[in-house]
Amino acid sequence: MQELLARLKALDPNASLALRIIACFDELVRGGVNIHGLLGAAASLSGCVAGYAGHESARTLRVSPGGEVLKDGGVEKRVGALEADGMTVWLERDGPARVNDRMILERLALALAIRSGHTAEDPLRRLGDLLDANVDVEQRRAAAAKLGLAPRQKYRVATLPLFATWNQHRELLEDVVHTRFGPLHVCVLRADVKQIDASPCGIGVATGVDDLHRSFATALVSLRLCAIPEVPVVVADDYGGLVDLLAQCTIDRPLLDVEELESVMQHPWAAQTLDALLRSASIRDASRIAGVHHSTMQARLETIRGLLSFDPMDGIGRTRVGLAFLAWRVRHSTALDLPPPTGR
């Protein structure tokens, strides 16, 4: 499916929309994602509330695109409700249905039917609690125990968009977890694992179960540092303590130097040039890395110096511009901006 999806993207991006929905739900089913997670995925893909009602259990669940569970209601907004396998699923959209709404509902119903077939009780996997720093530590430890995580072992959290491309999907502890960026596909890995055969993907630092929320935060930053296809996977270890600093920043309140760097980044060569400068020990090395003449690199550096209030190549200024550049990449990340399959 993923190979076919890649081929269709190259031929006709619009023709791949339905297959992207199928591929997304395939991965969620493969990961044993619970009902809440499946509804959250449908809501995120459609951009509106997704609902489920069991015919025999009379259980109703409504989830917003942000992953919040909503109270009963919204019946008048149901679009194309689908009844299948002893359940009803629907979308609550203002206005007419969109072209892929039916496909989302069909794949949601199929995923829920498969999920119900695995277990009638649908146990909550609690990955969300395990990764939430606001949840009591004893509750997080209990969640870890239920998930089979050893209290004295270290683990890493990996984060991926719902539409990540998987080349091979092995057995993982995974679920859909709702974040401030919307629902994300989240996996827990052993500490010695630093690679997932999927992209884009951010892999956090290794921690004990009490601090997996920290690994999760660094995995989110790592994911937003991905640049497809140039950097499909980022491991937090490669940036050390810088990732911790970036995890404490927000888009609205970035590091102070980021605002100043914005003027530099208006130049089309800025990102390539700064990356080369930060990876090199000299301007000549930077020229080689960037693939430009030494005089061109020197002229670019002078332009950067003229736009900043500090020298980016002198002492602490080099550290400042390096951290600001990473923060700028996080602020302007497109790793989570894959277009949702909701075209009319």
C-alpha atoms as a PDB file:
ATOM      1  CA  MET A   1       0.000   0.000   0.000  1.00  0.00           C
ATOM      2  CA  GLN A   2       2.755   2.456   0.909  1.00  0.00           C
ATOM      3  CA  GLU A   3       4.628   1.711  -2.335  1.00  0.00           C
ATOM      4  CA  LEU A   4       1.472   2.305  -4.363  1.00  0.00           C
ATOM      5  CA  LEU A   5       0.828   5.489  -2.398  1.00  0.00           C
ATOM      6  CA  ALA A   6       4.310   6.804  -3.210  1.00  0.00           C
ATOM      7  CA  ARG A   7       3.831   6.101  -6.919  1.00  0.00           C
ATOM      8  CA  LEU A   8       0.444   7.824  -7.013  1.00  0.00           C
ATOM      9  CA  LYS A   9       1.825  10.889  -5.234  1.00  0.00           C
ATOM     10  CA  ALA A  10       4.393  11.260  -8.000  1.00  0.00           C
ATOM     11  CA  LEU A  11       1.796  10.837 -10.751  1.00  0.00           C
ATOM     12  CA  ASP A  12      -1.210  12.676  -9.371  1.00  0.00           C
ATOM     13  CA  PRO A  13      -1.327  14.063  -5.818  1.00  0.00           C
ATOM     14  CA  ASN A  14      -5.127  14.246  -5.865  1.00  0.00           C
ATOM     15  CA  ALA A  15      -5.464  10.583  -6.850  1.00  0.00           C
ATOM     16  CA  SER A  16      -3.532   9.562  -3.741  1.00  0.00           C
ATOM     17  CA  LEU A  17      -5.937  11.120  -1.224  1.00  0.00           C
ATOM     18  CA  ALA A  18      -8.163   8.066  -0.763  1.00  0.00           C
ATOM     19  CA  LEU A  19      -5.171   5.753  -0.531  1.00  0.00           C
ATOM     20  CA  ARG A  20      -3.636   7.985   2.115  1.00  0.00           C
ATOM     21  CA  ILE A  21      -6.762   7.466   4.216  1.00  0.00           C
ATOM     22  CA  ILE A  22      -6.541   3.701   3.734  1.00  0.00           C
ATOM     23  CA  ALA A  23      -2.828   3.645   4.567  1.00  0.00           C
ATOM     24  CA  CYS A  24      -3.416   5.720   7.690  1.00  0.00           C
ATOM     25  CA  PHE A  25      -6.098   3.395   9.092  1.00  0.00           C
ATOM     26  CA  ASP A  26      -4.059   0.342   8.097  1.00  0.00           C
ATOM     27  CA  GLU A  27      -1.231   1.533  10.326  1.00  0.00           C
ATOM     28  CA  LEU A  28      -3.569   2.377  13.202  1.00  0.00           C
ATOM     29  CA  VAL A  29      -5.204  -1.059  13.035  1.00  0.00           C
ATOM     30  CA  ARG A  30      -1.773  -2.641  12.807  1.00  0.00           C
ATOM     31  CA  GLY A  31      -0.821  -0.839  16.004  1.00  0.00           C
ATOM     32  CA  GLY A  32      -3.943  -1.918  17.911  1.00  0.00           C
ATOM     33  CA  VAL A  33      -5.087   1.667  18.459  1.00  0.00           C
ATOM     34  CA  ASN A  34      -8.154   2.000  20.688  1.00  0.00           C
ATOM     35  CA  ILE A  35     -11.594   3.406  19.798  1.00  0.00           C
ATOM     36  CA  HIS A  36     -10.764   6.890  21.076  1.00  0.00           C
ATOM     37  CA  GLY A  37      -7.610   6.940  18.938  1.00  0.00           C
ATOM     38  CA  LEU A  38      -9.420   5.725  15.814  1.00  0.00           C
ATOM     39  CA  LEU A  39     -12.146   8.349  16.215  1.00  0.00           C
ATOM     40  CA  GLY A  40      -9.497  11.003  16.850  1.00  0.00           C
ATOM     41  CA  ALA A  41      -7.761  10.031  13.616  1.00  0.00           C
ATOM     42  CA  ALA A  42     -11.030  10.238  11.659  1.00  0.00           C
ATOM     43  CA  ALA A  43     -11.763  13.638  13.200  1.00  0.00           C
ATOM     44  CA  SER A  44      -8.286  14.916  12.383  1.00  0.00           C
ATOM     45  CA  LEU A  45      -8.437  13.675   8.784  1.00  0.00           C
ATOM     46  CA  SER A  46     -11.886  15.129   8.175  1.00  0.00           C
ATOM     47  CA  GLY A  47     -11.426  18.323  10.161  1.00  0.00           C
ATOM     48  CA  CYS A  48     -14.679  17.852  12.088  1.00  0.00           C
ATOM     49  CA  VAL A  49     -16.132  15.837  14.989  1.00  0.00           C
ATOM     50  CA  ALA A  50     -16.278  12.064  14.464  1.00  0.00           C
ATOM     51  CA  GLY A  51     -18.840   9.955  16.314  1.00  0.00           C
ATOM     52  CA  TYR A  52     -19.495   6.306  17.140  1.00  0.00           C
ATOM     53  CA  ALA A  53     -22.495   4.528  18.633  1.00  0.00           C
ATOM     54  CA  GLY A  54     -22.714   0.826  19.448  1.00  0.00           C
ATOM     55  CA  HIS A  55     -26.105  -0.708  18.770  1.00  0.00           C
ATOM     56  CA  GLU A  56     -26.053  -3.316  21.548  1.00  0.00           C
ATOM     57  CA  SER A  57     -24.001  -1.526  24.206  1.00  0.00           C
ATOM     58  CA  ALA A  58     -25.653   1.861  23.573  1.00  0.00           C
ATOM     59  CA  ARG A  59     -22.194   3.336  23.969  1.00  0.00           C
ATOM     60  CA  THR A  60     -21.689   6.683  22.235  1.00  0.00           C
ATOM     61  CA  LEU A  61     -18.385   8.466  21.773  1.00  0.00           C
ATOM     62  CA  ARG A  62     -17.727  11.777  20.019  1.00  0.00           C
ATOM     63  CA  VAL A  63     -14.200  13.088  19.462  1.00  0.00           C
ATOM     64  CA  SER A  64     -13.096  16.481  18.167  1.00  0.00           C
ATOM     65  CA  PRO A  65     -10.261  17.065  15.656  1.00  0.00           C
ATOM     66  CA  GLY A  66      -8.109  18.080  18.612  1.00  0.00           C
ATOM     67  CA  GLY A  67      -8.712  14.728  20.311  1.00  0.00           C
ATOM     68  CA  GLU A  68     -11.089  15.873  23.050  1.00  0.00           C
ATOM     69  CA  VAL A  69     -13.979  13.614  24.032  1.00  0.00           C
ATOM     70  CA  LEU A  70     -17.228  15.570  23.694  1.00  0.00           C
ATOM     71  CA  LYS A  71     -20.608  15.202  25.355  1.00  0.00           C
ATOM     72  CA  ASP A  72     -23.546  13.663  23.508  1.00  0.00           C
ATOM     73  CA  GLY A  73     -25.078  15.947  20.919  1.00  0.00           C
ATOM     74  CA  GLY A  74     -24.523  17.133  17.402  1.00  0.00           C
ATOM     75  CA  VAL A  75     -27.114  14.756  15.931  1.00  0.00           C
ATOM     76  CA  GLU A  76     -28.422  17.428  13.573  1.00  0.00           C
ATOM     77  CA  LYS A  77     -24.952  17.822  12.035  1.00  0.00           C
ATOM     78  CA  ARG A  78     -24.336  14.174  11.196  1.00  0.00           C
ATOM     79  CA  VAL A  79     -23.110  13.795   7.623  1.00  0.00           C
ATOM     80  CA  GLY A  80     -23.625  10.487   5.805  1.00  0.00           C
ATOM     81  CA  ALA A  81     -23.944   8.306   8.922  1.00  0.00           C
ATOM     82  CA  LEU A  82     -22.793   4.764   8.141  1.00  0.00           C
ATOM     83  CA  GLU A  83     -24.283   1.695   9.825  1.00  0.00           C
ATOM     84  CA  ALA A  84     -22.202  -1.483   9.771  1.00  0.00           C
ATOM     85  CA  ASP A  85     -21.204  -4.380  12.030  1.00  0.00           C
ATOM     86  CA  GLY A  86     -23.526  -3.402  14.874  1.00  0.00           C
ATOM     87  CA  MET A  87     -22.419   0.222  15.041  1.00  0.00           C
ATOM     88  CA  THR A  88     -23.035   3.630  13.528  1.00  0.00           C
ATOM     89  CA  VAL A  89     -20.245   6.067  12.687  1.00  0.00           C
ATOM     90  CA  TRP A  90     -20.656   9.615  11.467  1.00  0.00           C
ATOM     91  CA  LEU A  91     -19.037  12.993  10.904  1.00  0.00           C
ATOM     92  CA  GLU A  92     -20.500  16.251  12.212  1.00  0.00           C
ATOM     93  CA  ARG A  93     -19.824  18.794   9.521  1.00  0.00           C
ATOM     94  CA  ASP A  94     -21.280  22.236   8.904  1.00  0.00           C
ATOM     95  CA  GLY A  95     -22.281  22.286   5.246  1.00  0.00           C
ATOM     96  CA  PRO A  96     -22.226  19.553   2.605  1.00  0.00           C
ATOM     97  CA  ALA A  97     -20.112  16.408   2.811  1.00  0.00           C
ATOM     98  CA  ARG A  98     -16.643  16.518   1.280  1.00  0.00           C
ATOM     99  CA  VAL A  99     -15.358  14.154  -1.339  1.00  0.00           C
ATOM    100  CA  ASN A 100     -13.444  11.862   1.050  1.00  0.00           C
ATOM    101  CA  ASP A 101     -15.906  11.845   3.964  1.00  0.00           C
ATOM    102  CA  ARG A 102     -17.398   8.539   2.836  1.00  0.00           C
ATOM    103  CA  MET A 103     -13.983   6.922   2.560  1.00  0.00           C
ATOM    104  CA  ILE A 104     -13.045   8.102   6.065  1.00  0.00           C
ATOM    105  CA  LEU A 105     -16.250   6.648   7.497  1.00  0.00           C
ATOM    106  CA  GLU A 106     -15.825   3.334   5.684  1.00  0.00           C
ATOM    107  CA  ARG A 107     -12.263   2.899   6.916  1.00  0.00           C
ATOM    108  CA  LEU A 108     -13.236   4.040  10.414  1.00  0.00           C
ATOM    109  CA  ALA A 109     -16.063   1.476  10.538  1.00  0.00           C
ATOM    110  CA  LEU A 110     -13.761  -1.284   9.297  1.00  0.00           C
ATOM    111  CA  ALA A 111     -11.056  -0.360  11.820  1.00  0.00           C
ATOM    112  CA  LEU A 112     -13.579  -0.309  14.672  1.00  0.00           C
ATOM    113  CA  ALA A 113     -14.988  -3.695  13.612  1.00  0.00           C
ATOM    114  CA  ILE A 114     -11.487  -5.195  13.580  1.00  0.00           C
ATOM    115  CA  ARG A 115     -10.726  -3.581  16.925  1.00  0.00           C
ATOM    116  CA  SER A 116     -13.945  -4.942  18.474  1.00  0.00           C
ATOM    117  CA  GLY A 117     -13.094  -8.377  17.156  1.00  0.00           C
ATOM    118  CA  HIS A 118      -9.824  -8.365  19.045  1.00  0.00           C
ATOM    119  CA  THR A 119     -11.434  -7.706  22.417  1.00  0.00           C
ATOM    120  CA  ALA A 120     -14.971  -7.013  23.498  1.00  0.00           C
ATOM    121  CA  GLU A 121     -13.860  -4.834  26.388  1.00  0.00           C
ATOM    122  CA  ASP A 122     -11.638  -2.502  24.358  1.00  0.00           C
ATOM    123  CA  PRO A 123      -9.115  -1.820  27.167  1.00  0.00           C
ATOM    124  CA  LEU A 124      -7.614   1.653  27.177  1.00  0.00           C
ATOM    125  CA  ARG A 125      -3.894   1.432  26.482  1.00  0.00           C
ATOM    126  CA  ARG A 126      -3.059   4.515  28.557  1.00  0.00           C
ATOM    127  CA  LEU A 127      -0.110   5.733  26.505  1.00  0.00           C
ATOM    128  CA  GLY A 128      -1.549   9.228  26.808  1.00  0.00           C
ATOM    129  CA  ASP A 129      -1.417   9.058  30.617  1.00  0.00           C
ATOM    130  CA  LEU A 130       2.089   7.603  30.554  1.00  0.00           C
ATOM    131  CA  LEU A 131       3.411  10.549  28.535  1.00  0.00           C
ATOM    132  CA  ASP A 132       1.562  13.323  30.385  1.00  0.00           C
ATOM    133  CA  ALA A 133       3.665  15.176  32.975  1.00  0.00           C
ATOM    134  CA  ASN A 134       0.457  16.448  34.607  1.00  0.00           C
ATOM    135  CA  VAL A 135      -0.658  12.911  35.468  1.00  0.00           C
ATOM    136  CA  ASP A 136       0.325  11.736  38.959  1.00  0.00           C
ATOM    137  CA  VAL A 137       3.567   9.734  38.901  1.00  0.00           C
ATOM    138  CA  GLU A 138       1.940   6.738  40.606  1.00  0.00           C
ATOM    139  CA  GLN A 139      -0.741   6.681  37.937  1.00  0.00           C
ATOM    140  CA  ARG A 140       1.959   6.823  35.254  1.00  0.00           C
ATOM    141  CA  ARG A 141       3.793   3.939  36.896  1.00  0.00           C
ATOM    142  CA  ALA A 142       0.583   1.920  36.964  1.00  0.00           C
ATOM    143  CA  ALA A 143       0.041   2.656  33.278  1.00  0.00           C
ATOM    144  CA  ALA A 144       3.601   1.562  32.513  1.00  0.00           C
ATOM    145  CA  ALA A 145       3.074  -1.700  34.369  1.00  0.00           C
ATOM    146  CA  LYS A 146      -0.144  -2.415  32.443  1.00  0.00           C
ATOM    147  CA  LEU A 147       1.731  -1.805  29.212  1.00  0.00           C
ATOM    148  CA  GLY A 148       4.490  -4.222  30.203  1.00  0.00           C
ATOM    149  CA  LEU A 149       7.255  -1.667  30.697  1.00  0.00           C
ATOM    150  CA  ALA A 150       9.939  -2.577  33.239  1.00  0.00           C
ATOM    151  CA  PRO A 151      10.384   0.046  35.995  1.00  0.00           C
ATOM    152  CA  ARG A 152      14.198  -0.098  35.909  1.00  0.00           C
ATOM    153  CA  GLN A 153      14.603  -0.110  32.138  1.00  0.00           C
ATOM    154  CA  LYS A 154      14.990   2.905  29.875  1.00  0.00           C
ATOM    155  CA  TYR A 155      12.854   3.611  26.833  1.00  0.00           C
ATOM    156  CA  ARG A 156      12.449   6.158  24.055  1.00  0.00           C
ATOM    157  CA  VAL A 157       9.324   7.738  22.631  1.00  0.00           C
ATOM    158  CA  ALA A 158       8.978   8.133  18.865  1.00  0.00           C
ATOM    159  CA  THR A 159       6.411  10.449  17.267  1.00  0.00           C
ATOM    160  CA  LEU A 160       5.090  10.389  13.712  1.00  0.00           C
ATOM    161  CA  PRO A 161       2.267  12.110  11.810  1.00  0.00           C
ATOM    162  CA  LEU A 162      -0.760   9.959  11.035  1.00  0.00           C
ATOM    163  CA  PHE A 163       0.321   9.973   7.401  1.00  0.00           C
ATOM    164  CA  ALA A 164       3.894   8.850   8.009  1.00  0.00           C
ATOM    165  CA  THR A 165       5.232   6.473   5.359  1.00  0.00           C
ATOM    166  CA  TRP A 166       6.164   3.072   6.779  1.00  0.00           C
ATOM    167  CA  ASN A 167       8.546   0.882   4.794  1.00  0.00           C
ATOM    168  CA  GLN A 168       8.221  -1.904   7.330  1.00  0.00           C
ATOM    169  CA  HIS A 169       6.023  -1.950  10.432  1.00  0.00           C
ATOM    170  CA  ARG A 170       7.281  -4.325  13.094  1.00  0.00           C
ATOM    171  CA  GLU A 171       5.639  -5.106  16.430  1.00  0.00           C
ATOM    172  CA  LEU A 172       5.602  -1.954  18.572  1.00  0.00           C
ATOM    173  CA  LEU A 173       3.911  -0.515  21.632  1.00  0.00           C
ATOM    174  CA  GLU A 174       1.982   2.288  19.956  1.00  0.00           C
ATOM    175  CA  ASP A 175      -1.169   4.370  19.925  1.00  0.00           C
ATOM    176  CA  VAL A 176      -2.607   7.658  18.737  1.00  0.00           C
ATOM    177  CA  VAL A 177      -1.881  10.342  21.347  1.00  0.00           C
ATOM    178  CA  HIS A 178      -3.501  13.758  21.265  1.00  0.00           C
ATOM    179  CA  THR A 179      -1.072  16.679  21.446  1.00  0.00           C
ATOM    180  CA  ARG A 180      -1.228  20.444  20.981  1.00  0.00           C
ATOM    181  CA  PHE A 181      -0.346  19.728  17.342  1.00  0.00           C
ATOM    182  CA  GLY A 182      -3.288  17.341  16.945  1.00  0.00           C
ATOM    183  CA  PRO A 183      -3.348  13.519  17.033  1.00  0.00           C
ATOM    184  CA  LEU A 184       0.036  11.882  16.455  1.00  0.00           C
ATOM    185  CA  HIS A 185       1.155   8.291  16.047  1.00  0.00           C
ATOM    186  CA  VAL A 186       3.335   7.523  19.094  1.00  0.00           C
ATOM    187  CA  CYS A 187       5.536   4.490  19.793  1.00  0.00           C
ATOM    188  CA  VAL A 188       7.577   3.423  22.816  1.00  0.00           C
ATOM    189  CA  LEU A 189      10.956   1.872  21.955  1.00  0.00           C
ATOM    190  CA  ARG A 190      13.775   0.265  23.899  1.00  0.00           C
ATOM    191  CA  ALA A 191      16.592   2.665  24.793  1.00  0.00           C
ATOM    192  CA  ASP A 192      18.979   1.013  22.327  1.00  0.00           C
ATOM    193  CA  VAL A 193      16.622   1.560  19.375  1.00  0.00           C
ATOM    194  CA  LYS A 194      17.316   4.765  17.467  1.00  0.00           C
ATOM    195  CA  GLN A 195      15.646   3.968  14.166  1.00  0.00           C
ATOM    196  CA  ILE A 196      12.128   3.322  12.875  1.00  0.00           C
ATOM    197  CA  ASP A 197      11.606   2.346   9.258  1.00  0.00           C
ATOM    198  CA  ALA A 198       9.156   5.204   8.740  1.00  0.00           C
ATOM    199  CA  SER A 199       9.276   8.915   7.992  1.00  0.00           C
ATOM    200  CA  PRO A 200       8.953  11.621   9.061  1.00  0.00           C
ATOM    201  CA  CYS A 201       9.801  10.524  12.588  1.00  0.00           C
ATOM    202  CA  GLY A 202      11.211  12.139  15.730  1.00  0.00           C
ATOM    203  CA  ILE A 203      12.849   9.927  18.364  1.00  0.00           C
ATOM    204  CA  GLY A 204      13.273  11.254  21.893  1.00  0.00           C
ATOM    205  CA  VAL A 205      15.960  10.781  24.518  1.00  0.00           C
ATOM    206  CA  ALA A 206      16.156   7.598  26.579  1.00  0.00           C
ATOM    207  CA  THR A 207      14.570   7.857  30.041  1.00  0.00           C
ATOM    208  CA  GLY A 208      13.051   5.713  32.756  1.00  0.00           C
ATOM    209  CA  VAL A 209       9.289   5.239  32.882  1.00  0.00           C
ATOM    210  CA  ASP A 210       8.880   8.112  35.370  1.00  0.00           C
ATOM    211  CA  ASP A 211      10.333  10.552  32.821  1.00  0.00           C
ATOM    212  CA  LEU A 212       8.863   9.309  29.568  1.00  0.00           C
ATOM    213  CA  HIS A 213       7.002  12.621  29.298  1.00  0.00           C
ATOM    214  CA  ARG A 214      10.434  14.204  28.829  1.00  0.00           C
ATOM    215  CA  SER A 215      11.289  11.736  26.073  1.00  0.00           C
ATOM    216  CA  PHE A 216       7.931  12.556  24.488  1.00  0.00           C
ATOM    217  CA  ALA A 217       8.662  16.313  24.566  1.00  0.00           C
ATOM    218  CA  THR A 218      12.059  15.823  22.917  1.00  0.00           C
ATOM    219  CA  ALA A 219      10.513  13.484  20.343  1.00  0.00           C
ATOM    220  CA  LEU A 220       8.023  16.211  19.385  1.00  0.00           C
ATOM    221  CA  VAL A 221      10.876  18.681  18.872  1.00  0.00           C
ATOM    222  CA  SER A 222      12.828  16.098  16.876  1.00  0.00           C
ATOM    223  CA  LEU A 223       9.826  15.449  14.634  1.00  0.00           C
ATOM    224  CA  ARG A 224       9.474  19.161  13.927  1.00  0.00           C
ATOM    225  CA  LEU A 225      13.176  19.312  13.014  1.00  0.00           C
ATOM    226  CA  CYS A 226      12.579  16.778  10.239  1.00  0.00           C
ATOM    227  CA  ALA A 227      12.849  18.106   6.710  1.00  0.00           C
ATOM    228  CA  ILE A 228      11.391  15.676   4.206  1.00  0.00           C
ATOM    229  CA  PRO A 229      13.054  14.228   2.185  1.00  0.00           C
ATOM    230  CA  GLU A 230      16.440  15.623   3.257  1.00  0.00           C
ATOM    231  CA  VAL A 231      16.164  14.682   6.953  1.00  0.00           C
ATOM    232  CA  PRO A 232      13.362  12.092   7.319  1.00  0.00           C
ATOM    233  CA  VAL A 233      14.278  10.971  10.866  1.00  0.00           C
ATOM    234  CA  VAL A 234      15.755  13.049  13.700  1.00  0.00           C
ATOM    235  CA  VAL A 235      17.071  11.523  16.938  1.00  0.00           C
ATOM    236  CA  ALA A 236      17.150  13.848  19.954  1.00  0.00           C
ATOM    237  CA  ASP A 237      20.528  12.443  21.029  1.00  0.00           C
ATOM    238  CA  ASP A 238      22.149  14.165  18.044  1.00  0.00           C
ATOM    239  CA  TYR A 239      21.333  17.569  19.562  1.00  0.00           C
ATOM    240  CA  GLY A 240      21.834  16.771  23.247  1.00  0.00           C
ATOM    241  CA  GLY A 241      20.715  19.463  25.685  1.00  0.00           C
ATOM    242  CA  LEU A 242      19.677  21.773  22.836  1.00  0.00           C
ATOM    243  CA  VAL A 243      16.533  19.700  22.384  1.00  0.00           C
ATOM    244  CA  ASP A 244      15.605  20.226  26.029  1.00  0.00           C
ATOM    245  CA  LEU A 245      15.882  23.982  25.523  1.00  0.00           C
ATOM    246  CA  LEU A 246      13.802  23.871  22.348  1.00  0.00           C
ATOM    247  CA  ALA A 247      11.155  21.749  24.075  1.00  0.00           C
ATOM    248  CA  GLN A 248      10.562  24.603  26.527  1.00  0.00           C
ATOM    249  CA  CYS A 249       9.881  27.125  23.756  1.00  0.00           C
ATOM    250  CA  THR A 250       6.624  27.721  21.932  1.00  0.00           C
ATOM    251  CA  ILE A 251       5.756  29.146  18.535  1.00  0.00           C
ATOM    252  CA  ASP A 252       4.294  32.238  20.226  1.00  0.00           C
ATOM    253  CA  ARG A 253       7.208  32.659  22.616  1.00  0.00           C
ATOM    254  CA  PRO A 254      10.364  31.473  20.815  1.00  0.00           C
ATOM    255  CA  LEU A 255      13.927  32.213  21.849  1.00  0.00           C
ATOM    256  CA  LEU A 256      14.740  35.925  21.723  1.00  0.00           C
ATOM    257  CA  ASP A 257      17.218  35.605  18.835  1.00  0.00           C
ATOM    258  CA  VAL A 258      14.660  33.870  16.595  1.00  0.00           C
ATOM    259  CA  GLU A 259      12.772  37.085  15.906  1.00  0.00           C
ATOM    260  CA  GLU A 260      16.007  38.755  14.856  1.00  0.00           C
ATOM    261  CA  LEU A 261      16.927  35.784  12.665  1.00  0.00           C
ATOM    262  CA  GLU A 262      13.670  36.070  10.715  1.00  0.00           C
ATOM    263  CA  SER A 263      15.135  38.909   8.613  1.00  0.00           C
ATOM    264  CA  VAL A 264      18.078  36.705   7.653  1.00  0.00           C
ATOM    265  CA  MET A 265      15.815  33.791   6.727  1.00  0.00           C
ATOM    266  CA  GLN A 266      14.051  35.889   4.089  1.00  0.00           C
ATOM    267  CA  HIS A 267      16.996  35.159   1.803  1.00  0.00           C
ATOM    268  CA  PRO A 268      16.492  31.929  -0.202  1.00  0.00           C
ATOM    269  CA  TRP A 269      20.054  30.807   0.589  1.00  0.00           C
ATOM    270  CA  ALA A 270      19.853  31.451   4.343  1.00  0.00           C
ATOM    271  CA  ALA A 271      18.915  27.974   5.604  1.00  0.00           C
ATOM    272  CA  GLN A 272      21.544  26.193   3.516  1.00  0.00           C
ATOM    273  CA  THR A 273      24.195  28.758   4.440  1.00  0.00           C
ATOM    274  CA  LEU A 274      23.558  28.704   8.193  1.00  0.00           C
ATOM    275  CA  ASP A 275      23.458  24.916   8.226  1.00  0.00           C
ATOM    276  CA  ALA A 276      26.825  24.793   6.452  1.00  0.00           C
ATOM    277  CA  LEU A 277      28.374  27.416   8.743  1.00  0.00           C
ATOM    278  CA  LEU A 278      27.253  25.553  11.859  1.00  0.00           C
ATOM    279  CA  ARG A 279      28.581  22.226  10.599  1.00  0.00           C
ATOM    280  CA  SER A 280      32.017  23.571   9.682  1.00  0.00           C
ATOM    281  CA  ALA A 281      35.124  24.919  11.400  1.00  0.00           C
ATOM    282  CA  SER A 282      35.876  27.587   8.811  1.00  0.00           C
ATOM    283  CA  ILE A 283      34.285  29.611   6.037  1.00  0.00           C
ATOM    284  CA  ARG A 284      36.184  27.525   3.485  1.00  0.00           C
ATOM    285  CA  ASP A 285      34.737  24.313   4.947  1.00  0.00           C
ATOM    286  CA  ALA A 286      31.286  25.890   4.944  1.00  0.00           C
ATOM    287  CA  SER A 287      31.703  26.784   1.257  1.00  0.00           C
ATOM    288  CA  ARG A 288      32.510  23.172   0.452  1.00  0.00           C
ATOM    289  CA  ILE A 289      29.526  21.848   2.435  1.00  0.00           C
ATOM    290  CA  ALA A 290      27.136  24.326   0.806  1.00  0.00           C
ATOM    291  CA  GLY A 291      28.617  23.757  -2.648  1.00  0.00           C
ATOM    292  CA  VAL A 292      29.364  27.441  -3.321  1.00  0.00           C
ATOM    293  CA  HIS A 293      32.496  29.463  -4.004  1.00  0.00           C
ATOM    294  CA  HIS A 294      34.457  30.801  -1.030  1.00  0.00           C
ATOM    295  CA  SER A 295      33.765  34.402  -2.060  1.00  0.00           C
ATOM    296  CA  THR A 296      30.033  33.679  -2.281  1.00  0.00           C
ATOM    297  CA  MET A 297      30.015  32.246   1.230  1.00  0.00           C
ATOM    298  CA  GLN A 298      31.991  35.254   2.489  1.00  0.00           C
ATOM    299  CA  ALA A 299      29.477  37.660   0.902  1.00  0.00           C
ATOM    300  CA  ARG A 300      26.557  35.780   2.443  1.00  0.00           C
ATOM    301  CA  LEU A 301      28.207  35.875   5.863  1.00  0.00           C
ATOM    302  CA  GLU A 302      28.660  39.647   5.585  1.00  0.00           C
ATOM    303  CA  THR A 303      24.964  39.990   4.745  1.00  0.00           C
ATOM    304  CA  ILE A 304      24.059  37.933   7.828  1.00  0.00           C
ATOM    305  CA  ARG A 305      26.358  40.037  10.013  1.00  0.00           C
ATOM    306  CA  GLY A 306      24.679  43.187   8.733  1.00  0.00           C
ATOM    307  CA  LEU A 307      21.229  41.909   9.748  1.00  0.00           C
ATOM    308  CA  LEU A 308      22.097  40.644  13.245  1.00  0.00           C
ATOM    309  CA  SER A 309      23.057  42.610  16.331  1.00  0.00           C
ATOM    310  CA  PHE A 310      25.815  40.091  17.116  1.00  0.00           C
ATOM    311  CA  ASP A 311      28.572  38.379  15.164  1.00  0.00           C
ATOM    312  CA  PRO A 312      27.385  34.827  14.332  1.00  0.00           C
ATOM    313  CA  MET A 313      30.973  33.577  13.949  1.00  0.00           C
ATOM    314  CA  ASP A 314      32.492  35.050  17.107  1.00  0.00           C
ATOM    315  CA  GLY A 315      32.486  33.154  20.407  1.00  0.00           C
ATOM    316  CA  ILE A 316      29.078  33.044  22.082  1.00  0.00           C
ATOM    317  CA  GLY A 317      27.528  34.500  18.923  1.00  0.00           C
ATOM    318  CA  ARG A 318      28.105  31.194  17.162  1.00  0.00           C
ATOM    319  CA  THR A 319      26.172  29.389  19.905  1.00  0.00           C
ATOM    320  CA  ARG A 320      23.394  31.989  19.772  1.00  0.00           C
ATOM    321  CA  VAL A 321      22.895  31.757  16.018  1.00  0.00           C
ATOM    322  CA  GLY A 322      23.056  27.962  16.120  1.00  0.00           C
ATOM    323  CA  LEU A 323      20.353  27.673  18.743  1.00  0.00           C
ATOM    324  CA  ALA A 324      18.268  30.365  17.048  1.00  0.00           C
ATOM    325  CA  PHE A 325      18.504  28.529  13.737  1.00  0.00           C
ATOM    326  CA  LEU A 326      17.268  25.287  15.324  1.00  0.00           C
ATOM    327  CA  ALA A 327      14.431  27.165  17.023  1.00  0.00           C
ATOM    328  CA  TRP A 328      13.565  28.799  13.690  1.00  0.00           C
ATOM    329  CA  ARG A 329      13.387  25.360  12.052  1.00  0.00           C
ATOM    330  CA  VAL A 330      11.011  24.163  14.774  1.00  0.00           C
ATOM    331  CA  ARG A 331       8.891  27.307  14.459  1.00  0.00           C
ATOM    332  CA  HIS A 332       8.566  26.934  10.678  1.00  0.00           C
ATOM    333  CA  SER A 333       8.438  23.140  10.536  1.00  0.00           C
ATOM    334  CA  THR A 334       6.292  21.556   7.819  1.00  0.00           C
ATOM    335  CA  ALA A 335       6.717  17.984   9.078  1.00  0.00           C
ATOM    336  CA  LEU A 336       3.128  18.032  10.400  1.00  0.00           C
ATOM    337  CA  ASP A 337       1.651  20.018   7.513  1.00  0.00           C
ATOM    338  CA  LEU A 338       0.761  17.143   5.207  1.00  0.00           C
ATOM    339  CA  PRO A 339      -2.447  18.202   3.432  1.00  0.00           C
ATOM    340  CA  PRO A 340      -5.488  16.395   4.861  1.00  0.00           C
ATOM    341  CA  PRO A 341      -7.529  14.337   2.402  1.00  0.00           C
ATOM    342  CA  THR A 342     -10.614  16.547   2.594  1.00  0.00           C
ATOM    343  CA  GLY A 343     -10.715  18.152  -0.827  1.00  0.00           C
ATOM    344  CA  ARG A 344     -14.146  18.754  -2.298  1.00  0.00           C
END
